[in-house]
């Protein structure tokens, strides 16, 4: 992750703009329903992982 952050920080202004515009388009394609569904799935994954950790102990 640190390597990716370093690469982003070293982008030229033009490269940054291309990446930024692409990410903005990606974000704007999501709806609130998409966001809540992804969040809910993440919560279920966290619960499942926590349960598996408890079962090991």
N, C-alpha and C. Protein backbone atom coordinates (compact mmCIF):
# COMPACT_ATOMS: atom_id res chain seq x y z
N UNK A 1 0.82 -1.19 0.00
CA UNK A 1 0.00 0.00 0.00
C UNK A 1 0.87 1.26 0.00
N UNK A 2 1.92 1.25 0.78
CA UNK A 2 2.81 2.40 0.84
C UNK A 2 3.44 2.66 -0.52
N UNK A 3 3.77 1.59 -1.23
CA UNK A 3 4.36 1.73 -2.56
C UNK A 3 3.39 2.39 -3.53
N UNK A 4 2.12 1.97 -3.45
CA UNK A 4 1.10 2.56 -4.33
C UNK A 4 0.91 4.04 -4.01
N UNK A 5 0.92 4.38 -2.72
CA UNK A 5 0.78 5.78 -2.33
C UNK A 5 1.96 6.60 -2.83
N UNK A 6 3.13 6.02 -2.74
CA UNK A 6 4.34 6.71 -3.22
C UNK A 6 4.25 6.96 -4.73
N UNK A 7 3.78 5.96 -5.47
CA UNK A 7 3.65 6.11 -6.92
C UNK A 7 2.65 7.21 -7.26
N UNK A 8 1.55 7.26 -6.54
CA UNK A 8 0.54 8.30 -6.78
C UNK A 8 1.13 9.68 -6.52
N UNK A 9 1.89 9.80 -5.45
CA UNK A 9 2.49 11.09 -5.11
C UNK A 9 3.52 11.56 -6.13
N UNK A 10 4.05 10.63 -6.91
CA UNK A 10 5.07 10.98 -7.90
C UNK A 10 4.49 11.21 -9.30
N UNK A 11 3.18 11.16 -9.43
CA UNK A 11 2.57 11.39 -10.75
C UNK A 11 2.77 12.84 -11.19
N UNK A 12 2.90 13.02 -12.47
CA UNK A 12 2.93 14.39 -13.01
C UNK A 12 1.52 14.96 -12.91
N UNK A 13 1.40 16.27 -13.11
CA UNK A 13 0.07 16.90 -13.07
C UNK A 13 -0.87 16.27 -14.09
N UNK A 14 -0.37 16.00 -15.30
CA UNK A 14 -1.20 15.41 -16.35
C UNK A 14 -1.64 14.00 -15.96
N UNK A 15 -0.71 13.20 -15.43
CA UNK A 15 -1.05 11.83 -15.01
C UNK A 15 -2.06 11.85 -13.86
N UNK A 16 -1.86 12.79 -12.94
CA UNK A 16 -2.79 12.93 -11.81
C UNK A 16 -4.19 13.26 -12.31
N UNK A 17 -4.28 14.17 -13.25
CA UNK A 17 -5.58 14.59 -13.78
C UNK A 17 -6.29 13.41 -14.46
N UNK A 18 -5.55 12.62 -15.25
CA UNK A 18 -6.15 11.46 -15.92
C UNK A 18 -6.69 10.48 -14.88
N UNK A 19 -5.88 10.19 -13.87
CA UNK A 19 -6.32 9.27 -12.82
C UNK A 19 -7.51 9.83 -12.06
N UNK A 20 -7.44 11.09 -11.71
CA UNK A 20 -8.50 11.73 -10.96
C UNK A 20 -9.82 11.73 -11.74
N UNK A 21 -9.76 12.07 -13.01
CA UNK A 21 -10.97 12.08 -13.84
C UNK A 21 -11.57 10.68 -13.96
N UNK A 22 -10.72 9.67 -14.11
CA UNK A 22 -11.20 8.29 -14.22
C UNK A 22 -11.86 7.85 -12.92
N UNK A 23 -11.26 8.21 -11.80
CA UNK A 23 -11.83 7.84 -10.50
C UNK A 23 -13.14 8.57 -10.24
N UNK A 24 -13.21 9.82 -10.64
CA UNK A 24 -14.46 10.57 -10.47
C UNK A 24 -15.58 9.93 -11.27
N UNK A 25 -15.29 9.53 -12.50
CA UNK A 25 -16.30 8.86 -13.34
C UNK A 25 -16.73 7.54 -12.70
N UNK A 26 -15.79 6.81 -12.13
CA UNK A 26 -16.10 5.54 -11.47
C UNK A 26 -17.02 5.76 -10.27
N UNK A 27 -16.69 6.73 -9.45
CA UNK A 27 -17.47 7.01 -8.26
C UNK A 27 -18.88 7.46 -8.63
N UNK A 28 -19.00 8.29 -9.64
CA UNK A 28 -20.31 8.80 -10.02
C UNK A 28 -21.20 7.73 -10.63
N UNK A 29 -20.62 6.59 -11.01
CA UNK A 29 -21.43 5.51 -11.57
C UNK A 29 -22.14 4.72 -10.47
N UNK A 30 -21.75 4.89 -9.21
CA UNK A 30 -22.37 4.18 -8.10
C UNK A 30 -23.59 4.92 -7.58
N UNK A 31 -24.54 4.14 -7.07
CA UNK A 31 -25.73 4.71 -6.44
C UNK A 31 -25.65 4.48 -4.93
N UNK A 32 -26.56 5.09 -4.20
CA UNK A 32 -26.62 4.84 -2.76
C UNK A 32 -26.94 3.37 -2.50
N UNK A 33 -27.77 2.77 -3.35
CA UNK A 33 -28.07 1.34 -3.18
C UNK A 33 -26.81 0.50 -3.34
N UNK A 34 -25.98 0.84 -4.33
CA UNK A 34 -24.70 0.13 -4.51
C UNK A 34 -23.85 0.26 -3.24
N UNK A 35 -23.76 1.47 -2.74
CA UNK A 35 -22.92 1.73 -1.57
C UNK A 35 -23.43 0.97 -0.35
N UNK A 36 -24.72 0.99 -0.10
CA UNK A 36 -25.24 0.30 1.07
C UNK A 36 -25.12 -1.22 0.91
N UNK A 37 -25.29 -1.72 -0.30
CA UNK A 37 -25.12 -3.17 -0.53
C UNK A 37 -23.68 -3.59 -0.28
N UNK A 38 -22.72 -2.80 -0.77
CA UNK A 38 -21.31 -3.11 -0.54
C UNK A 38 -20.95 -3.02 0.94
N UNK A 39 -21.48 -2.01 1.62
CA UNK A 39 -21.22 -1.85 3.05
C UNK A 39 -21.79 -3.02 3.83
N UNK A 40 -23.01 -3.41 3.51
CA UNK A 40 -23.64 -4.54 4.19
C UNK A 40 -22.84 -5.83 3.95
N UNK A 41 -22.41 -6.05 2.73
CA UNK A 41 -21.61 -7.24 2.42
C UNK A 41 -20.30 -7.22 3.22
N UNK A 42 -19.70 -6.04 3.36
CA UNK A 42 -18.48 -5.91 4.15
C UNK A 42 -18.71 -6.24 5.61
N UNK A 43 -19.84 -5.81 6.14
CA UNK A 43 -20.17 -6.13 7.53
C UNK A 43 -20.34 -7.63 7.72
N UNK A 44 -21.05 -8.27 6.80
CA UNK A 44 -21.23 -9.73 6.89
C UNK A 44 -19.88 -10.45 6.80
N UNK A 45 -19.00 -9.98 5.95
CA UNK A 45 -17.67 -10.58 5.83
C UNK A 45 -16.91 -10.43 7.14
N UNK A 46 -16.96 -9.26 7.74
CA UNK A 46 -16.27 -9.02 9.01
C UNK A 46 -16.83 -9.93 10.10
N UNK A 47 -18.14 -10.08 10.15
CA UNK A 47 -18.77 -10.95 11.15
C UNK A 47 -18.33 -12.40 10.94
N UNK A 48 -18.33 -12.83 9.70
CA UNK A 48 -17.92 -14.20 9.38
C UNK A 48 -16.46 -14.45 9.77
N UNK A 49 -15.59 -13.51 9.46
CA UNK A 49 -14.17 -13.66 9.80
C UNK A 49 -13.98 -13.69 11.31
N UNK A 50 -14.69 -12.83 12.02
CA UNK A 50 -14.59 -12.80 13.47
C UNK A 50 -15.06 -14.12 14.06
N UNK A 51 -16.12 -14.66 13.52
CA UNK A 51 -16.65 -15.94 13.99
C UNK A 51 -15.65 -17.06 13.77
N UNK A 52 -14.98 -17.06 12.61
CA UNK A 52 -13.97 -18.09 12.32
C UNK A 52 -12.79 -17.96 13.27
N UNK A 53 -12.40 -16.74 13.60
CA UNK A 53 -11.30 -16.53 14.55
C UNK A 53 -11.66 -17.07 15.93
N UNK A 54 -12.89 -16.84 16.35
CA UNK A 54 -13.34 -17.34 17.65
C UNK A 54 -13.37 -18.87 17.68
N UNK A 55 -13.76 -19.47 16.54
CA UNK A 55 -13.83 -20.93 16.47
C UNK A 55 -12.45 -21.56 16.60
N UNK A 56 -11.40 -20.87 16.20
CA UNK A 56 -10.04 -21.39 16.30
C UNK A 56 -9.53 -21.43 17.73
N UNK A 57 -10.03 -20.53 18.55
CA UNK A 57 -9.52 -20.41 19.92
C UNK A 57 -10.14 -21.42 20.84
